[in-house]
Amino acid sequence: MMKNSIVFILIAIVAFSCTNEKAKEAIRRIDRPESSILKGVYVPEGKDLFYTSGLVSEVLNANASAGDMSKYGNTYEQSIGALQKIKETIEAEGYSMNDVFFLRVYLAPNETGEIDWDAWFKAYGEYFNNDENPNKVARSTIGVYKLARPELLVEVEAVAAK
């Protein structure tokens, strides 16, 4: 009985130390120097992950009626609002924007029927690939017909790891 207990304890110690070594392995961001986003990211086993739902900006004009584009603002304002909400959400769970490694972005056409890609790219640059947060992320930016409400132009999902 004692022999079995010792063997079990040794196996547990070895297994734990192997898991600990993997947890110490660094997250690898595979860069594209010519781009503001990454080619990809390798997250080793043992890292803690946090996924947000699709988040949108807070209401900017509470007096605006449904469908009024001033309710949430233009694409740039909604992009900043969604990224700020991601920042607040992940910080509440002990993560930072430096831990974000993937974004999925949905952009809908504005009142002129155009998707303002540049407004999104500008907002992205205020949260990533800058002096405060030099990290880039792997990212998909998808143009969609519309989002859940007619005045919504931007919805963003994030994944962070540490």
N, C-alpha and C. Protein backbone atom coordinates (compact mmCIF):
# COMPACT_ATOMS: atom_id res chain seq x y z
N MET A 1 0.84 -1.18 0.00
CA MET A 1 0.00 0.00 0.00
C MET A 1 0.88 1.25 0.00
N MET A 2 1.90 1.29 0.85
CA MET A 2 2.80 2.42 0.94
C MET A 2 3.54 2.62 -0.37
N LYS A 3 3.95 1.50 -1.01
CA LYS A 3 4.67 1.56 -2.29
C LYS A 3 3.78 2.21 -3.36
N ASN A 4 2.50 1.84 -3.42
CA ASN A 4 1.57 2.42 -4.38
C ASN A 4 1.39 3.92 -4.14
N SER A 5 1.32 4.32 -2.88
CA SER A 5 1.16 5.73 -2.55
C SER A 5 2.37 6.54 -3.00
N ILE A 6 3.55 5.99 -2.79
CA ILE A 6 4.76 6.70 -3.20
C ILE A 6 4.82 6.84 -4.72
N VAL A 7 4.49 5.78 -5.44
CA VAL A 7 4.47 5.82 -6.90
C VAL A 7 3.46 6.86 -7.38
N PHE A 8 2.29 6.88 -6.80
CA PHE A 8 1.26 7.85 -7.18
C PHE A 8 1.74 9.28 -6.95
N ILE A 9 2.37 9.53 -5.82
CA ILE A 9 2.87 10.88 -5.50
C ILE A 9 3.95 11.29 -6.50
N LEU A 10 4.86 10.37 -6.84
CA LEU A 10 5.91 10.68 -7.82
C LEU A 10 5.32 11.00 -9.20
N ILE A 11 4.33 10.24 -9.61
CA ILE A 11 3.67 10.50 -10.90
C ILE A 11 3.00 11.87 -10.88
N ALA A 12 2.35 12.19 -9.79
CA ALA A 12 1.68 13.49 -9.67
C ALA A 12 2.68 14.63 -9.73
N ILE A 13 3.81 14.48 -9.07
CA ILE A 13 4.85 15.53 -9.08
C ILE A 13 5.39 15.74 -10.49
N VAL A 14 5.68 14.65 -11.19
CA VAL A 14 6.20 14.75 -12.56
C VAL A 14 5.16 15.40 -13.47
N ALA A 15 3.92 14.97 -13.36
CA ALA A 15 2.85 15.54 -14.20
C ALA A 15 2.68 17.03 -13.92
N PHE A 16 2.70 17.41 -12.66
CA PHE A 16 2.54 18.82 -12.29
C PHE A 16 3.71 19.64 -12.82
N SER A 17 4.93 19.14 -12.71
CA SER A 17 6.09 19.91 -13.17
C SER A 17 6.07 20.05 -14.68
N CYS A 18 5.59 19.06 -15.41
CA CYS A 18 5.48 19.17 -16.88
C CYS A 18 4.44 20.23 -17.24
N THR A 19 3.33 20.23 -16.55
CA THR A 19 2.27 21.22 -16.80
C THR A 19 2.80 22.60 -16.48
N ASN A 20 3.53 22.74 -15.38
CA ASN A 20 4.09 24.02 -15.00
C ASN A 20 5.05 24.55 -16.05
N GLU A 21 5.88 23.66 -16.64
CA GLU A 21 6.82 24.08 -17.68
C GLU A 21 6.07 24.60 -18.89
N LYS A 22 4.99 23.94 -19.29
CA LYS A 22 4.21 24.39 -20.44
C LYS A 22 3.57 25.74 -20.14
N ALA A 23 3.12 25.95 -18.92
CA ALA A 23 2.49 27.22 -18.56
C ALA A 23 3.49 28.36 -18.62
N LYS A 24 4.78 28.06 -18.45
CA LYS A 24 5.82 29.09 -18.51
C LYS A 24 6.20 29.43 -19.95
N GLU A 25 5.84 28.57 -20.89
CA GLU A 25 6.16 28.82 -22.30
C GLU A 25 5.46 30.10 -22.75
N ALA A 26 6.16 30.91 -23.50
CA ALA A 26 5.65 32.22 -23.92
C ALA A 26 4.61 32.11 -25.04
N ILE A 27 3.68 33.04 -25.01
CA ILE A 27 2.76 33.21 -26.13
C ILE A 27 3.59 33.79 -27.27
N ARG A 28 3.48 33.20 -28.45
CA ARG A 28 4.24 33.68 -29.61
C ARG A 28 3.33 34.41 -30.58
N ARG A 29 3.66 35.65 -30.85
CA ARG A 29 2.92 36.45 -31.83
C ARG A 29 3.74 36.42 -33.13
N ILE A 30 3.15 35.87 -34.19
CA ILE A 30 3.85 35.74 -35.47
C ILE A 30 3.57 37.01 -36.27
N ASP A 31 4.58 37.85 -36.34
CA ASP A 31 4.42 39.20 -36.86
C ASP A 31 4.41 39.27 -38.38
N ARG A 32 3.82 40.34 -38.86
CA ARG A 32 3.93 40.79 -40.25
C ARG A 32 4.35 42.25 -40.13
N PRO A 33 5.66 42.53 -40.22
CA PRO A 33 6.15 43.89 -39.97
C PRO A 33 5.46 44.96 -40.83
N GLU A 34 5.04 44.60 -42.01
CA GLU A 34 4.41 45.57 -42.90
C GLU A 34 2.94 45.81 -42.59
N SER A 35 2.41 45.11 -41.61
CA SER A 35 0.98 45.18 -41.31
C SER A 35 0.74 45.55 -39.84
N SER A 36 -0.44 46.09 -39.58
CA SER A 36 -0.80 46.43 -38.20
C SER A 36 -1.40 45.24 -37.46
N ILE A 37 -1.55 44.10 -38.16
CA ILE A 37 -2.06 42.88 -37.52
C ILE A 37 -1.06 41.74 -37.71
N LEU A 38 -1.24 40.71 -36.92
CA LEU A 38 -0.35 39.55 -36.96
C LEU A 38 -0.79 38.53 -38.01
N LYS A 39 0.16 37.64 -38.37
CA LYS A 39 -0.19 36.46 -39.18
C LYS A 39 -0.95 35.47 -38.34
N GLY A 40 -0.54 35.36 -37.09
CA GLY A 40 -1.16 34.41 -36.19
C GLY A 40 -0.55 34.48 -34.81
N VAL A 41 -1.07 33.65 -33.92
CA VAL A 41 -0.61 33.62 -32.53
C VAL A 41 -0.58 32.17 -32.07
N TYR A 42 0.48 31.80 -31.36
CA TYR A 42 0.56 30.48 -30.74
C TYR A 42 0.39 30.67 -29.24
N VAL A 43 -0.63 30.04 -28.69
CA VAL A 43 -0.89 30.08 -27.25
C VAL A 43 -0.62 28.68 -26.71
N PRO A 44 0.44 28.52 -25.94
CA PRO A 44 0.78 27.19 -25.44
C PRO A 44 -0.23 26.68 -24.41
N GLU A 45 -0.27 25.39 -24.29
CA GLU A 45 -1.12 24.74 -23.29
C GLU A 45 -0.79 25.28 -21.91
N GLY A 46 -1.80 25.43 -21.10
CA GLY A 46 -1.60 25.88 -19.73
C GLY A 46 -1.84 27.36 -19.53
N LYS A 47 -2.03 28.11 -20.61
CA LYS A 47 -2.32 29.55 -20.47
C LYS A 47 -3.80 29.73 -20.15
N ASP A 48 -4.11 30.76 -19.38
CA ASP A 48 -5.49 31.10 -19.08
C ASP A 48 -6.04 31.94 -20.23
N LEU A 49 -7.23 31.59 -20.70
CA LEU A 49 -7.87 32.30 -21.80
C LEU A 49 -9.14 32.98 -21.32
N PHE A 50 -9.44 34.12 -21.94
CA PHE A 50 -10.69 34.82 -21.65
C PHE A 50 -11.29 35.28 -22.97
N TYR A 51 -12.56 34.94 -23.19
CA TYR A 51 -13.28 35.29 -24.41
C TYR A 51 -14.38 36.28 -24.06
N THR A 52 -14.49 37.36 -24.82
CA THR A 52 -15.64 38.23 -24.64
C THR A 52 -16.72 37.82 -25.64
N SER A 53 -17.91 38.20 -25.35
CA SER A 53 -18.98 38.12 -26.34
C SER A 53 -18.77 39.27 -27.31
N GLY A 54 -19.58 39.33 -28.34
CA GLY A 54 -19.56 40.49 -29.22
C GLY A 54 -20.03 41.69 -28.44
N LEU A 55 -19.19 42.73 -28.36
CA LEU A 55 -19.51 43.92 -27.59
C LEU A 55 -19.69 45.11 -28.51
N VAL A 56 -20.61 45.98 -28.14
CA VAL A 56 -20.88 47.19 -28.91
C VAL A 56 -20.69 48.39 -28.00
N SER A 57 -20.67 49.54 -28.60
CA SER A 57 -20.49 50.80 -27.88
C SER A 57 -21.69 51.07 -26.97
N GLU A 58 -21.44 51.88 -25.94
CA GLU A 58 -22.53 52.39 -25.11
C GLU A 58 -23.35 53.40 -25.92
N VAL A 59 -24.57 53.62 -25.53
CA VAL A 59 -25.42 54.63 -26.16
C VAL A 59 -24.80 56.00 -25.91
N LEU A 60 -24.65 56.80 -26.97
CA LEU A 60 -24.11 58.16 -26.84
C LEU A 60 -25.22 59.20 -26.75
N ASN A 61 -26.36 58.90 -27.37
CA ASN A 61 -27.48 59.84 -27.38
C ASN A 61 -28.74 59.08 -26.97
N ALA A 62 -29.04 59.10 -25.69
CA ALA A 62 -30.19 58.36 -25.16
C ALA A 62 -31.52 58.89 -25.68
N ASN A 63 -31.54 60.12 -26.16
CA ASN A 63 -32.78 60.71 -26.67
C ASN A 63 -33.06 60.33 -28.12
N ALA A 64 -32.10 59.72 -28.78
CA ALA A 64 -32.29 59.33 -30.19
C ALA A 64 -33.25 58.15 -30.26
N SER A 65 -34.09 58.18 -31.26
CA SER A 65 -35.05 57.08 -31.45
C SER A 65 -34.37 55.91 -32.15
N ALA A 66 -35.02 54.76 -32.11
CA ALA A 66 -34.50 53.56 -32.78
C ALA A 66 -34.27 53.89 -34.25
N GLY A 67 -33.12 53.48 -34.75
CA GLY A 67 -32.78 53.73 -36.14
C GLY A 67 -32.04 55.04 -36.37
N ASP A 68 -32.02 55.93 -35.39
CA ASP A 68 -31.32 57.20 -35.50
C ASP A 68 -29.82 56.93 -35.30
N MET A 69 -29.02 57.24 -36.31
CA MET A 69 -27.59 56.92 -36.28
C MET A 69 -26.83 57.68 -35.19
N SER A 70 -27.41 58.74 -34.65
CA SER A 70 -26.71 59.47 -33.58
C SER A 70 -26.78 58.73 -32.25
N LYS A 71 -27.61 57.69 -32.17
CA LYS A 71 -27.79 56.97 -30.91
C LYS A 71 -26.46 56.39 -30.40
N TYR A 72 -25.69 55.77 -31.30
CA TYR A 72 -24.41 55.16 -30.92
C TYR A 72 -23.21 55.88 -31.53
N GLY A 73 -23.46 56.81 -32.44
CA GLY A 73 -22.37 57.54 -33.09
C GLY A 73 -21.95 56.91 -34.40
N ASN A 74 -20.94 57.52 -35.00
CA ASN A 74 -20.43 57.04 -36.28
C ASN A 74 -19.53 55.82 -36.07
N THR A 75 -18.98 55.31 -37.14
CA THR A 75 -18.16 54.09 -37.06
C THR A 75 -16.96 54.28 -36.14
N TYR A 76 -16.30 55.42 -36.22
CA TYR A 76 -15.15 55.67 -35.35
C TYR A 76 -15.57 55.69 -33.88
N GLU A 77 -16.62 56.43 -33.56
CA GLU A 77 -17.09 56.53 -32.18
C GLU A 77 -17.53 55.17 -31.65
N GLN A 78 -18.20 54.39 -32.48
CA GLN A 78 -18.63 53.05 -32.05
C GLN A 78 -17.44 52.11 -31.89
N SER A 79 -16.44 52.26 -32.75
CA SER A 79 -15.23 51.42 -32.63
C SER A 79 -14.51 51.71 -31.31
N ILE A 80 -14.33 52.99 -31.00
CA ILE A 80 -13.70 53.37 -29.74
C ILE A 80 -14.55 52.85 -28.57
N GLY A 81 -15.87 53.01 -28.66
CA GLY A 81 -16.75 52.55 -27.59
C GLY A 81 -16.69 51.05 -27.37
N ALA A 82 -16.65 50.28 -28.46
CA ALA A 82 -16.57 48.82 -28.34
C ALA A 82 -15.22 48.40 -27.75
N LEU A 83 -14.14 49.02 -28.21
CA LEU A 83 -12.82 48.69 -27.68
C LEU A 83 -12.71 49.08 -26.20
N GLN A 84 -13.30 50.19 -25.82
CA GLN A 84 -13.30 50.60 -24.42
C GLN A 84 -14.08 49.60 -23.57
N LYS A 85 -15.20 49.12 -24.10
CA LYS A 85 -15.98 48.13 -23.36
C LYS A 85 -15.20 46.82 -23.21
N ILE A 86 -14.46 46.44 -24.25
CA ILE A 86 -13.59 45.24 -24.16
C ILE A 86 -12.55 45.47 -23.07
N LYS A 87 -11.92 46.63 -23.07
CA LYS A 87 -10.90 46.95 -22.07
C LYS A 87 -11.48 46.82 -20.66
N GLU A 88 -12.63 47.40 -20.43
CA GLU A 88 -13.26 47.34 -19.11
C GLU A 88 -13.63 45.90 -18.73
N THR A 89 -14.14 45.15 -19.70
CA THR A 89 -14.57 43.77 -19.44
C THR A 89 -13.39 42.89 -19.07
N ILE A 90 -12.31 42.96 -19.84
CA ILE A 90 -11.17 42.07 -19.55
C ILE A 90 -10.42 42.52 -18.30
N GLU A 91 -10.35 43.84 -18.06
CA GLU A 91 -9.69 44.31 -16.83
C GLU A 91 -10.44 43.85 -15.59
N ALA A 92 -11.76 43.76 -15.67
CA ALA A 92 -12.55 43.28 -14.54
C ALA A 92 -12.22 41.83 -14.20
N GLU A 93 -11.65 41.11 -15.16
CA GLU A 93 -11.27 39.70 -14.96
C GLU A 93 -9.77 39.52 -14.77
N GLY A 94 -9.04 40.63 -14.59
CA GLY A 94 -7.61 40.55 -14.32
C GLY A 94 -6.72 40.52 -15.55
N TYR A 95 -7.24 40.84 -16.72
CA TYR A 95 -6.46 40.89 -17.95
C TYR A 95 -6.25 42.35 -18.35
N SER A 96 -5.38 42.57 -19.33
CA SER A 96 -5.19 43.92 -19.88
C SER A 96 -5.27 43.83 -21.40
N MET A 97 -5.30 44.99 -22.04
CA MET A 97 -5.34 45.00 -23.50
C MET A 97 -4.07 44.39 -24.08
N ASN A 98 -2.97 44.39 -23.33
CA ASN A 98 -1.74 43.74 -23.79
C ASN A 98 -1.92 42.23 -23.89
N ASP A 99 -2.89 41.67 -23.16
CA ASP A 99 -3.14 40.23 -23.19
C ASP A 99 -4.03 39.81 -24.35
N VAL A 100 -4.68 40.76 -25.00
CA VAL A 100 -5.56 40.44 -26.13
C VAL A 100 -4.69 39.99 -27.30
N PHE A 101 -5.04 38.85 -27.89
CA PHE A 101 -4.29 38.36 -29.03
C PHE A 101 -5.15 38.13 -30.27
N PHE A 102 -6.48 38.22 -30.13
CA PHE A 102 -7.36 38.02 -31.28
C PHE A 102 -8.60 38.90 -31.17
N LEU A 103 -8.98 39.49 -32.29
CA LEU A 103 -10.23 40.24 -32.39
C LEU A 103 -11.01 39.74 -33.61
N ARG A 104 -12.30 39.66 -33.45
CA ARG A 104 -13.20 39.44 -34.59
C ARG A 104 -14.11 40.67 -34.62
N VAL A 105 -14.07 41.39 -35.74
CA VAL A 105 -14.75 42.67 -35.86
C VAL A 105 -15.80 42.58 -36.96
N TYR A 106 -17.00 43.03 -36.63
CA TYR A 106 -18.09 43.09 -37.60
C TYR A 106 -18.40 44.56 -37.85
N LEU A 107 -18.36 44.98 -39.10
CA LEU A 107 -18.65 46.35 -39.48
C LEU A 107 -19.85 46.36 -40.43
N ALA A 108 -20.80 47.24 -40.13
CA ALA A 108 -22.00 47.38 -40.96
C ALA A 108 -21.96 48.73 -41.68
N PRO A 109 -22.69 48.85 -42.77
CA PRO A 109 -22.72 50.11 -43.52
C PRO A 109 -23.36 51.24 -42.71
N ASN A 110 -22.85 52.45 -42.91
CA ASN A 110 -23.40 53.63 -42.27
C ASN A 110 -24.61 54.14 -43.06
N GLU A 111 -25.09 55.32 -42.72
CA GLU A 111 -26.31 55.85 -43.35
C GLU A 111 -26.16 56.10 -44.84
N THR A 112 -24.93 56.21 -45.35
CA THR A 112 -24.72 56.38 -46.79
C THR A 112 -24.57 55.05 -47.51
N GLY A 113 -24.64 53.95 -46.74
CA GLY A 113 -24.52 52.62 -47.33
C GLY A 113 -23.09 52.12 -47.47
N GLU A 114 -22.14 52.86 -46.91
CA GLU A 114 -20.73 52.49 -47.01
C GLU A 114 -20.21 51.99 -45.66
N ILE A 115 -19.27 51.06 -45.70
CA ILE A 115 -18.57 50.65 -44.49
C ILE A 115 -17.33 51.53 -44.36
N ASP A 116 -17.18 52.16 -43.22
CA ASP A 116 -16.05 53.07 -42.98
C ASP A 116 -14.89 52.28 -42.37
N TRP A 117 -14.18 51.57 -43.23
CA TRP A 117 -13.05 50.74 -42.79
C TRP A 117 -11.99 51.59 -42.11
N ASP A 118 -11.70 52.77 -42.67
CA ASP A 118 -10.64 53.61 -42.11
C ASP A 118 -10.94 54.06 -40.69
N ALA A 119 -12.22 54.29 -40.38
CA ALA A 119 -12.59 54.67 -39.01
C ALA A 119 -12.24 53.54 -38.04
N TRP A 120 -12.52 52.30 -38.43
CA TRP A 120 -12.16 51.15 -37.59
C TRP A 120 -10.65 51.06 -37.43
N PHE A 121 -9.90 51.16 -38.55
CA PHE A 121 -8.44 51.04 -38.49
C PHE A 121 -7.84 52.11 -37.58
N LYS A 122 -8.37 53.32 -37.64
CA LYS A 122 -7.89 54.40 -36.78
C LYS A 122 -8.13 54.08 -35.31
N ALA A 123 -9.34 53.62 -34.97
CA ALA A 123 -9.66 53.27 -33.59
C ALA A 123 -8.77 52.11 -33.10
N TYR A 124 -8.58 51.09 -33.93
CA TYR A 124 -7.72 49.95 -33.59
C TYR A 124 -6.33 50.46 -33.19
N GLY A 125 -5.80 51.41 -33.95
CA GLY A 125 -4.46 51.95 -33.68
C GLY A 125 -4.36 52.71 -32.37
N GLU A 126 -5.48 53.08 -31.80
CA GLU A 126 -5.46 53.76 -30.51
C GLU A 126 -5.40 52.78 -29.34
N TYR A 127 -5.62 51.50 -29.62
CA TYR A 127 -5.59 50.47 -28.57
C TYR A 127 -4.48 49.43 -28.79
N PHE A 128 -4.01 49.28 -30.02
CA PHE A 128 -3.01 48.25 -30.35
C PHE A 128 -1.96 48.83 -31.30
N ASN A 129 -0.76 48.21 -31.25
CA ASN A 129 0.33 48.57 -32.17
C ASN A 129 0.68 50.05 -32.02
N ASN A 130 0.83 50.48 -30.75
CA ASN A 130 1.17 51.87 -30.46
C ASN A 130 2.16 51.91 -29.30
N ASP A 131 2.54 53.09 -28.87
CA ASP A 131 3.52 53.20 -27.78
C ASP A 131 3.02 52.62 -26.47
N GLU A 132 1.74 52.84 -26.15
CA GLU A 132 1.18 52.34 -24.90
C GLU A 132 1.00 50.83 -24.91
N ASN A 133 0.59 50.29 -26.03
CA ASN A 133 0.42 48.85 -26.20
C ASN A 133 0.99 48.45 -27.55
N PRO A 134 2.27 48.05 -27.58
CA PRO A 134 2.91 47.72 -28.86
C PRO A 134 2.43 46.40 -29.47
N ASN A 135 1.63 45.64 -28.72
CA ASN A 135 1.16 44.36 -29.24
C ASN A 135 0.18 44.55 -30.39
N LYS A 136 0.37 43.71 -31.40
CA LYS A 136 -0.59 43.58 -32.48
C LYS A 136 -1.45 42.37 -32.14
N VAL A 137 -2.56 42.20 -32.83
CA VAL A 137 -3.40 41.03 -32.63
C VAL A 137 -3.63 40.34 -33.97
N ALA A 138 -3.97 39.07 -33.90
CA ALA A 138 -4.53 38.39 -35.07
C ALA A 138 -5.97 38.88 -35.15
N ARG A 139 -6.46 39.13 -36.35
CA ARG A 139 -7.76 39.78 -36.42
C ARG A 139 -8.48 39.41 -37.71
N SER A 140 -9.80 39.27 -37.60
CA SER A 140 -10.67 39.17 -38.76
C SER A 140 -11.58 40.38 -38.71
N THR A 141 -11.67 41.11 -39.81
CA THR A 141 -12.57 42.25 -39.91
C THR A 141 -13.54 41.94 -41.03
N ILE A 142 -14.80 41.86 -40.68
CA ILE A 142 -15.81 41.34 -41.59
C ILE A 142 -16.89 42.38 -41.84
N GLY A 143 -17.15 42.68 -43.10
CA GLY A 143 -18.25 43.56 -43.45
C GLY A 143 -19.54 42.75 -43.48
N VAL A 144 -20.55 43.25 -42.81
CA VAL A 144 -21.83 42.55 -42.74
C VAL A 144 -22.94 43.46 -43.25
N TYR A 145 -24.05 42.86 -43.62
CA TYR A 145 -25.20 43.60 -44.11
C TYR A 145 -25.77 44.53 -43.03
N LYS A 146 -25.95 43.99 -41.82
CA LYS A 146 -26.39 44.80 -40.69
C LYS A 146 -26.15 44.02 -39.40
N LEU A 147 -26.23 44.76 -38.28
CA LEU A 147 -26.08 44.16 -36.96
C LEU A 147 -27.45 44.10 -36.29
N ALA A 148 -27.49 43.77 -35.01
CA ALA A 148 -28.75 43.50 -34.29
C ALA A 148 -29.71 44.69 -34.25
N ARG A 149 -29.18 45.90 -34.25
CA ARG A 149 -30.01 47.11 -34.26
C ARG A 149 -29.59 47.95 -35.47
N PRO A 150 -30.52 48.64 -36.09
CA PRO A 150 -30.17 49.38 -37.31
C PRO A 150 -29.13 50.47 -37.11
N GLU A 151 -29.02 51.02 -35.90
CA GLU A 151 -28.05 52.08 -35.66
C GLU A 151 -26.67 51.58 -35.23
N LEU A 152 -26.52 50.26 -35.08
CA LEU A 152 -25.22 49.69 -34.72
C LEU A 152 -24.38 49.47 -35.98
N LEU A 153 -23.13 49.93 -35.91
CA LEU A 153 -22.22 49.79 -37.03
C LEU A 153 -21.02 48.90 -36.72
N VAL A 154 -20.76 48.67 -35.43
CA VAL A 154 -19.55 47.95 -35.01
C VAL A 154 -19.88 46.99 -33.87
N GLU A 155 -19.39 45.75 -34.00
CA GLU A 155 -19.44 44.77 -32.90
C GLU A 155 -18.10 44.06 -32.90
N VAL A 156 -17.52 43.87 -31.71
CA VAL A 156 -16.18 43.31 -31.61
C VAL A 156 -16.14 42.21 -30.57
N GLU A 157 -15.51 41.08 -30.91
CA GLU A 157 -15.21 40.00 -29.97
C GLU A 157 -13.71 39.99 -29.72
N ALA A 158 -13.30 39.66 -28.51
CA ALA A 158 -11.88 39.63 -28.18
C ALA A 158 -11.55 38.32 -27.45
N VAL A 159 -10.29 37.89 -27.62
CA VAL A 159 -9.76 36.76 -26.88
C VAL A 159 -8.43 37.20 -26.29
N ALA A 160 -8.26 36.97 -24.99
CA ALA A 160 -7.02 37.33 -24.28
C ALA A 160 -6.44 36.08 -23.64
N ALA A 161 -5.12 36.10 -23.44
CA ALA A 161 -4.45 34.98 -22.78
C ALA A 161 -3.30 35.52 -21.93
N LYS A 162 -3.07 34.78 -20.83
CA LYS A 162 -1.89 35.10 -19.99
C LYS A 162 -1.48 33.86 -19.23
